[in-house]
Amino acid sequence: MSEETVPLTAGAGQPKGLLQQMEELMAALNADLSALDADLQGAGGSGPGVGEEEVG
């Protein structure tokens, strides 16, 4: 997983709003989780996925 820093300023030196920072962080997190899911699916894991329960 990459450890990226999010710059606190945008283009012309204006500070980003908290909402914009959170949206960017959520987008990065979503991309990382999607990549992890693809890796796990490719590994052929037979265990229950996130949000799934074992029956038995």
PDB file of N, CA and C in Angstrom:
ATOM      1  N   MET A   1       0.853  -1.169   0.000  1.00  0.00           N
ATOM      2  CA  MET A   1       0.000   0.000   0.000  1.00  0.00           C
ATOM      3  C   MET A   1       0.900   1.234   0.000  1.00  0.00           C
ATOM      4  N   SER A   2       0.519   2.248  -0.741  1.00  0.00           N
ATOM      5  CA  SER A   2       1.359   3.429  -0.838  1.00  0.00           C
ATOM      6  C   SER A   2       1.050   4.400   0.290  1.00  0.00           C
ATOM      7  N   GLU A   3       2.088   5.055   0.738  1.00  0.00           N
ATOM      8  CA  GLU A   3       1.911   6.093   1.750  1.00  0.00           C
ATOM      9  C   GLU A   3       2.145   7.424   1.062  1.00  0.00           C
ATOM     10  N   GLU A   4       1.051   8.063   0.665  1.00  0.00           N
ATOM     11  CA  GLU A   4       1.157   9.324  -0.042  1.00  0.00           C
ATOM     12  C   GLU A   4       0.741  10.448   0.886  1.00  0.00           C
ATOM     13  N   THR A   5       1.399  11.589   0.724  1.00  0.00           N
ATOM     14  CA  THR A   5       0.990  12.757   1.487  1.00  0.00           C
ATOM     15  C   THR A   5       0.091  13.606   0.620  1.00  0.00           C
ATOM     16  N   VAL A   6      -0.918  14.175   1.228  1.00  0.00           N
ATOM     17  CA  VAL A   6      -1.845  15.029   0.504  1.00  0.00           C
ATOM     18  C   VAL A   6      -1.438  16.468   0.765  1.00  0.00           C
ATOM     19  N   PRO A   7      -1.100  17.204  -0.286  1.00  0.00           N
ATOM     20  CA  PRO A   7      -0.725  18.605  -0.070  1.00  0.00           C
ATOM     21  C   PRO A   7      -1.900  19.395   0.483  1.00  0.00           C
ATOM     22  N   LEU A   8      -1.604  20.327   1.375  1.00  0.00           N
ATOM     23  CA  LEU A   8      -2.661  21.103   2.012  1.00  0.00           C
ATOM     24  C   LEU A   8      -3.045  22.333   1.226  1.00  0.00           C
ATOM     25  N   THR A   9      -2.358  22.576   0.115  1.00  0.00           N
ATOM     26  CA  THR A   9      -2.700  23.738  -0.692  1.00  0.00           C
ATOM     27  C   THR A   9      -3.017  23.308  -2.112  1.00  0.00           C
ATOM     28  N   ALA A  10      -3.888  24.064  -2.740  1.00  0.00           N
ATOM     29  CA  ALA A  10      -4.263  23.785  -4.133  1.00  0.00           C
ATOM     30  C   ALA A  10      -3.622  24.843  -5.027  1.00  0.00           C
ATOM     31  N   GLY A  11      -3.542  24.549  -6.291  1.00  0.00           N
ATOM     32  CA  GLY A  11      -3.030  25.407  -7.345  1.00  0.00           C
ATOM     33  C   GLY A  11      -2.379  26.714  -6.960  1.00  0.00           C
ATOM     34  N   ALA A  12      -3.167  27.748  -6.699  1.00  0.00           N
ATOM     35  CA  ALA A  12      -2.629  29.088  -6.496  1.00  0.00           C
ATOM     36  C   ALA A  12      -2.333  29.384  -5.026  1.00  0.00           C
ATOM     37  N   GLY A  13      -2.051  28.359  -4.242  1.00  0.00           N
ATOM     38  CA  GLY A  13      -1.704  28.582  -2.848  1.00  0.00           C
ATOM     39  C   GLY A  13      -2.899  28.711  -1.925  1.00  0.00           C
ATOM     40  N   GLN A  14      -4.091  28.497  -2.437  1.00  0.00           N
ATOM     41  CA  GLN A  14      -5.291  28.556  -1.598  1.00  0.00           C
ATOM     42  C   GLN A  14      -5.417  27.260  -0.814  1.00  0.00           C
ATOM     43  N   PRO A  15      -5.670  27.348   0.492  1.00  0.00           N
ATOM     44  CA  PRO A  15      -5.843  26.118   1.264  1.00  0.00           C
ATOM     45  C   PRO A  15      -7.102  25.375   0.825  1.00  0.00           C
ATOM     46  N   LYS A  16      -7.005  24.052   0.812  1.00  0.00           N
ATOM     47  CA  LYS A  16      -8.162  23.238   0.448  1.00  0.00           C
ATOM     48  C   LYS A  16      -9.123  23.199   1.627  1.00  0.00           C
ATOM     49  N   GLY A  17     -10.393  23.081   1.292  1.00  0.00           N
ATOM     50  CA  GLY A  17     -11.388  22.922   2.328  1.00  0.00           C
ATOM     51  C   GLY A  17     -11.328  21.511   2.890  1.00  0.00           C
ATOM     52  N   LEU A  18     -11.802  21.355   4.104  1.00  0.00           N
ATOM     53  CA  LEU A  18     -11.787  20.051   4.746  1.00  0.00           C
ATOM     54  C   LEU A  18     -12.588  19.037   3.945  1.00  0.00           C
ATOM     55  N   LEU A  19     -13.730  19.455   3.399  1.00  0.00           N
ATOM     56  CA  LEU A  19     -14.554  18.545   2.607  1.00  0.00           C
ATOM     57  C   LEU A  19     -13.802  18.041   1.387  1.00  0.00           C
ATOM     58  N   GLN A  20     -13.087  18.939   0.703  1.00  0.00           N
ATOM     59  CA  GLN A  20     -12.329  18.527  -0.475  1.00  0.00           C
ATOM     60  C   GLN A  20     -11.214  17.559  -0.089  1.00  0.00           C
ATOM     61  N   GLN A  21     -10.533  17.821   1.029  1.00  0.00           N
ATOM     62  CA  GLN A  21      -9.491  16.912   1.494  1.00  0.00           C
ATOM     63  C   GLN A  21     -10.066  15.539   1.788  1.00  0.00           C
ATOM     64  N   MET A  22     -11.221  15.505   2.464  1.00  0.00           N
ATOM     65  CA  MET A  22     -11.848  14.233   2.805  1.00  0.00           C
ATOM     66  C   MET A  22     -12.278  13.480   1.547  1.00  0.00           C
ATOM     67  N   GLU A  23     -12.822  14.203   0.555  1.00  0.00           N
ATOM     68  CA  GLU A  23     -13.228  13.553  -0.695  1.00  0.00           C
ATOM     69  C   GLU A  23     -12.031  12.925  -1.399  1.00  0.00           C
ATOM     70  N   GLU A  24     -10.909  13.637  -1.416  1.00  0.00           N
ATOM     71  CA  GLU A  24      -9.711  13.106  -2.061  1.00  0.00           C
ATOM     72  C   GLU A  24      -9.168  11.892  -1.308  1.00  0.00           C
ATOM     73  N   LEU A  25      -9.189  11.956   0.020  1.00  0.00           N
ATOM     74  CA  LEU A  25      -8.730  10.824   0.815  1.00  0.00           C
ATOM     75  C   LEU A  25      -9.632   9.612   0.621  1.00  0.00           C
ATOM     76  N   MET A  26     -10.944   9.844   0.565  1.00  0.00           N
ATOM     77  CA  MET A  26     -11.886   8.740   0.354  1.00  0.00           C
ATOM     78  C   MET A  26     -11.703   8.128  -1.033  1.00  0.00           C
ATOM     79  N   ALA A  27     -11.445   8.961  -2.035  1.00  0.00           N
ATOM     80  CA  ALA A  27     -11.216   8.448  -3.382  1.00  0.00           C
ATOM     81  C   ALA A  27      -9.945   7.601  -3.414  1.00  0.00           C
ATOM     82  N   ALA A  28      -8.892   8.060  -2.741  1.00  0.00           N
ATOM     83  CA  ALA A  28      -7.646   7.293  -2.694  1.00  0.00           C
ATOM     84  C   ALA A  28      -7.853   5.978  -1.948  1.00  0.00           C
ATOM     85  N   LEU A  29      -8.592   6.029  -0.847  1.00  0.00           N
ATOM     86  CA  LEU A  29      -8.877   4.818  -0.079  1.00  0.00           C
ATOM     87  C   LEU A  29      -9.687   3.830  -0.907  1.00  0.00           C
ATOM     88  N   ASN A  30     -10.684   4.343  -1.618  1.00  0.00           N
ATOM     89  CA  ASN A  30     -11.520   3.489  -2.455  1.00  0.00           C
ATOM     90  C   ASN A  30     -10.680   2.814  -3.541  1.00  0.00           C
ATOM     91  N   ALA A  31      -9.765   3.560  -4.141  1.00  0.00           N
ATOM     92  CA  ALA A  31      -8.896   2.987  -5.170  1.00  0.00           C
ATOM     93  C   ALA A  31      -8.004   1.908  -4.579  1.00  0.00           C
ATOM     94  N   ASP A  32      -7.459   2.160  -3.391  1.00  0.00           N
ATOM     95  CA  ASP A  32      -6.611   1.159  -2.741  1.00  0.00           C
ATOM     96  C   ASP A  32      -7.404  -0.099  -2.407  1.00  0.00           C
ATOM     97  N   LEU A  33      -8.622   0.078  -1.909  1.00  0.00           N
ATOM     98  CA  LEU A  33      -9.459  -1.077  -1.565  1.00  0.00           C
ATOM     99  C   LEU A  33      -9.861  -1.855  -2.810  1.00  0.00           C
ATOM    100  N   SER A  34     -10.129  -1.155  -3.901  1.00  0.00           N
ATOM    101  CA  SER A  34     -10.468  -1.827  -5.153  1.00  0.00           C
ATOM    102  C   SER A  34      -9.285  -2.660  -5.649  1.00  0.00           C
ATOM    103  N   ALA A  35      -8.088  -2.099  -5.557  1.00  0.00           N
ATOM    104  CA  ALA A  35      -6.889  -2.828  -5.978  1.00  0.00           C
ATOM    105  C   ALA A  35      -6.667  -4.045  -5.076  1.00  0.00           C
ATOM    106  N   LEU A  36      -6.872  -3.878  -3.773  1.00  0.00           N
ATOM    107  CA  LEU A  36      -6.719  -4.999  -2.851  1.00  0.00           C
ATOM    108  C   LEU A  36      -7.738  -6.086  -3.148  1.00  0.00           C
ATOM    109  N   ASP A  37      -8.978  -5.687  -3.419  1.00  0.00           N
ATOM    110  CA  ASP A  37     -10.030  -6.650  -3.751  1.00  0.00           C
ATOM    111  C   ASP A  37      -9.664  -7.418  -5.011  1.00  0.00           C
ATOM    112  N   ALA A  38      -9.149  -6.719  -6.016  1.00  0.00           N
ATOM    113  CA  ALA A  38      -8.753  -7.378  -7.256  1.00  0.00           C
ATOM    114  C   ALA A  38      -7.613  -8.360  -7.001  1.00  0.00           C
ATOM    115  N   ASP A  39      -6.669  -7.981  -6.160  1.00  0.00           N
ATOM    116  CA  ASP A  39      -5.568  -8.877  -5.822  1.00  0.00           C
ATOM    117  C   ASP A  39      -6.084 -10.126  -5.115  1.00  0.00           C
ATOM    118  N   LEU A  40      -6.999  -9.935  -4.176  1.00  0.00           N
ATOM    119  CA  LEU A  40      -7.535 -11.071  -3.434  1.00  0.00           C
ATOM    120  C   LEU A  40      -8.375 -11.973  -4.329  1.00  0.00           C
ATOM    121  N   GLN A  41      -9.158 -11.376  -5.225  1.00  0.00           N
ATOM    122  CA  GLN A  41      -9.952 -12.173  -6.152  1.00  0.00           C
ATOM    123  C   GLN A  41      -9.035 -12.977  -7.071  1.00  0.00           C
ATOM    124  N   GLY A  42      -7.947 -12.359  -7.500  1.00  0.00           N
ATOM    125  CA  GLY A  42      -7.001 -13.032  -8.374  1.00  0.00           C
ATOM    126  C   GLY A  42      -6.265 -14.157  -7.664  1.00  0.00           C
ATOM    127  N   ALA A  43      -6.126 -14.048  -6.335  1.00  0.00           N
ATOM    128  CA  ALA A  43      -5.448 -15.077  -5.559  1.00  0.00           C
ATOM    129  C   ALA A  43      -6.323 -16.308  -5.386  1.00  0.00           C
ATOM    130  N   GLY A  44      -7.598 -16.198  -5.728  1.00  0.00           N
ATOM    131  CA  GLY A  44      -8.494 -17.342  -5.645  1.00  0.00           C
ATOM    132  C   GLY A  44      -8.856 -17.715  -4.229  1.00  0.00           C
ATOM    133  N   GLY A  45      -8.920 -16.737  -3.345  1.00  0.00           N
ATOM    134  CA  GLY A  45      -9.289 -17.012  -1.960  1.00  0.00           C
ATOM    135  C   GLY A  45     -10.681 -17.610  -1.889  1.00  0.00           C
ATOM    136  N   SER A  46     -10.823 -18.719  -1.137  1.00  0.00           N
ATOM    137  CA  SER A  46     -12.119 -19.382  -1.049  1.00  0.00           C
ATOM    138  C   SER A  46     -12.862 -19.012   0.226  1.00  0.00           C
ATOM    139  N   GLY A  47     -12.251 -18.194   1.072  1.00  0.00           N
ATOM    140  CA  GLY A  47     -12.894 -17.793   2.318  1.00  0.00           C
ATOM    141  C   GLY A  47     -13.966 -16.765   2.062  1.00  0.00           C
ATOM    142  N   PRO A  48     -14.739 -16.460   3.088  1.00  0.00           N
ATOM    143  CA  PRO A  48     -15.808 -15.449   2.923  1.00  0.00           C
ATOM    144  C   PRO A  48     -15.207 -14.080   2.674  1.00  0.00           C
ATOM    145  N   GLY A  49     -15.876 -13.293   1.842  1.00  0.00           N
ATOM    146  CA  GLY A  49     -15.420 -11.944   1.560  1.00  0.00           C
ATOM    147  C   GLY A  49     -15.912 -10.982   2.609  1.00  0.00           C
ATOM    148  N   VAL A  50     -15.605  -9.732   2.426  1.00  0.00           N
ATOM    149  CA  VAL A  50     -16.061  -8.704   3.343  1.00  0.00           C
ATOM    150  C   VAL A  50     -17.568  -8.625   3.307  1.00  0.00           C
ATOM    151  N   GLY A  51     -18.196  -8.693   4.454  1.00  0.00           N
ATOM    152  CA  GLY A  51     -19.646  -8.597   4.515  1.00  0.00           C
ATOM    153  C   GLY A  51     -20.362  -9.906   4.273  1.00  0.00           C
ATOM    154  N   GLU A  52     -19.616 -10.977   4.033  1.00  0.00           N
ATOM    155  CA  GLU A  52     -20.223 -12.277   3.814  1.00  0.00           C
ATOM    156  C   GLU A  52     -20.015 -13.123   5.066  1.00  0.00           C
ATOM    157  N   GLU A  53     -20.953 -14.027   5.313  1.00  0.00           N
ATOM    158  CA  GLU A  53     -20.866 -14.891   6.469  1.00  0.00           C
ATOM    159  C   GLU A  53     -20.735 -16.331   6.038  1.00  0.00           C
ATOM    160  N   GLU A  54     -19.997 -17.118   6.856  1.00  0.00           N
ATOM    161  CA  GLU A  54     -19.934 -18.551   6.598  1.00  0.00           C
ATOM    162  C   GLU A  54     -21.209 -19.195   7.054  1.00  0.00           C
ATOM    163  N   VAL A  55     -21.735 -20.095   6.252  1.00  0.00           N
ATOM    164  CA  VAL A  55     -22.953 -20.803   6.605  1.00  0.00           C
ATOM    165  C   VAL A  55     -22.580 -22.196   7.084  1.00  0.00           C
ATOM    166  N   GLY A  56     -23.118 -22.560   8.231  1.00  0.00           N
ATOM    167  CA  GLY A  56     -22.814 -23.902   8.661  1.00  0.00           C
ATOM    168  C   GLY A  56     -22.803 -24.020  10.073  1.00  0.00           C
TER     169      GLY A  56
END
